[in-house]
Amino acid sequence: MLPRIRPGSFIIAVKMPRCYPKRPGQLFYLQHPCYGRIVKTLAAVEGENYRFRGESGESVTSEAIGVISEKNIIGRVVFVVAAKK
């Protein structure tokens, strides 16, 4: 998640109720079927599904991530403990 989260940083993610609005630009901790646990930025809400993107040019593309359902969202990232430089 460079440049927003440096390698070695820790995140705190909170499981939000389904009724809590998810907005593009927010960071989420996901369980992806191929990539495992990843942190990505919400790009779009498509009904009951979501599209995510990375913030680095080296990140996995939105197309490769695909559509993510609510059950694969572990939580919203609410705090980052940055790694030492």
Protein backbone atom coordinates (compact mmCIF):
# COMPACT_ATOMS: atom_id res chain seq x y z
CA MET A 1 0.00 0.00 0.00
CA LEU A 2 2.84 2.34 -0.71
CA PRO A 3 2.96 5.30 -0.50
CA ARG A 4 0.21 5.49 2.14
CA ILE A 5 1.42 2.54 4.25
CA ARG A 6 5.11 1.65 4.35
CA PRO A 7 6.34 -1.96 4.61
CA GLY A 8 6.65 -3.04 8.23
CA SER A 9 3.79 -0.81 9.40
CA PHE A 10 0.94 -2.14 11.50
CA ILE A 11 -2.74 -1.45 10.88
CA ILE A 12 -5.76 -1.44 13.13
CA ALA A 13 -8.92 -2.49 11.30
CA VAL A 14 -12.43 -2.50 12.73
CA LYS A 15 -15.33 -4.64 11.53
CA MET A 16 -18.11 -2.24 10.65
CA PRO A 17 -21.84 -3.06 10.62
CA ARG A 18 -23.31 -3.68 7.16
CA CYS A 19 -25.43 -0.54 7.50
CA TYR A 20 -22.33 1.62 8.01
CA PRO A 21 -21.67 3.49 4.74
CA LYS A 22 -18.51 2.54 2.89
CA ARG A 23 -17.10 5.43 0.89
CA PRO A 24 -14.60 5.51 -1.96
CA GLY A 25 -11.16 6.52 -0.73
CA GLN A 26 -11.43 4.63 2.57
CA LEU A 27 -8.87 1.87 3.31
CA PHE A 28 -10.05 -1.69 3.94
CA TYR A 29 -8.48 -4.94 5.10
CA LEU A 30 -9.71 -7.75 2.82
CA GLN A 31 -9.58 -11.52 2.52
CA HIS A 32 -9.02 -12.05 -1.20
CA PRO A 33 -9.57 -15.58 -2.62
CA CYS A 34 -6.24 -15.52 -4.54
CA TYR A 35 -4.07 -12.88 -2.83
CA GLY A 36 -4.95 -13.64 0.80
CA ARG A 37 -5.18 -10.78 3.27
CA ILE A 38 -4.56 -7.42 1.62
CA VAL A 39 -5.13 -3.72 2.31
CA LYS A 40 -6.72 -1.76 -0.52
CA THR A 41 -8.55 1.50 -1.15
CA LEU A 42 -12.26 1.38 -1.95
CA ALA A 43 -12.71 2.59 -5.53
CA ALA A 44 -16.44 2.02 -6.13
CA VAL A 45 -19.59 0.61 -4.56
CA GLU A 46 -21.64 -1.54 -6.94
CA GLY A 47 -24.80 -2.48 -5.08
CA GLU A 48 -23.81 -5.23 -2.63
CA ASN A 49 -20.31 -5.54 -4.11
CA TYR A 50 -17.20 -3.40 -4.02
CA ARG A 51 -14.24 -2.57 -6.26
CA PHE A 52 -10.84 -1.84 -4.75
CA ARG A 53 -7.60 -0.39 -6.05
CA GLY A 54 -4.02 -0.07 -4.95
CA GLU A 55 -2.23 3.24 -4.58
CA SER A 56 1.09 2.29 -6.13
CA GLY A 57 1.92 1.79 -9.78
CA GLU A 58 3.30 -1.63 -8.76
CA SER A 59 0.06 -2.67 -7.06
CA VAL A 60 -2.25 -5.42 -8.24
CA THR A 61 -4.73 -3.87 -10.70
CA SER A 62 -8.41 -3.32 -9.88
CA GLU A 63 -9.26 -5.76 -12.67
CA ALA A 64 -7.07 -8.46 -11.10
CA ILE A 65 -8.63 -7.87 -7.68
CA GLY A 66 -12.10 -8.11 -9.19
CA VAL A 67 -15.39 -7.57 -7.39
CA ILE A 68 -15.30 -8.13 -3.62
CA SER A 69 -18.37 -9.06 -1.60
CA GLU A 70 -19.19 -7.92 1.92
CA LYS A 71 -18.17 -11.30 3.36
CA ASN A 72 -14.57 -10.75 2.19
CA ILE A 73 -14.19 -7.40 3.95
CA ILE A 74 -12.44 -8.01 7.28
CA GLY A 75 -12.64 -4.40 8.40
CA ARG A 76 -11.98 -0.76 7.71
CA VAL A 77 -8.48 0.49 8.47
CA VAL A 78 -8.86 3.12 11.18
CA PHE A 79 -5.25 3.59 12.28
CA VAL A 80 -1.76 2.93 10.94
CA VAL A 81 1.32 2.56 13.14
CA ALA A 82 4.04 3.61 10.71
CA ALA A 83 7.25 1.62 10.45
CA LYS A 84 10.47 3.41 11.31
CA LYS A 85 12.23 4.97 8.35
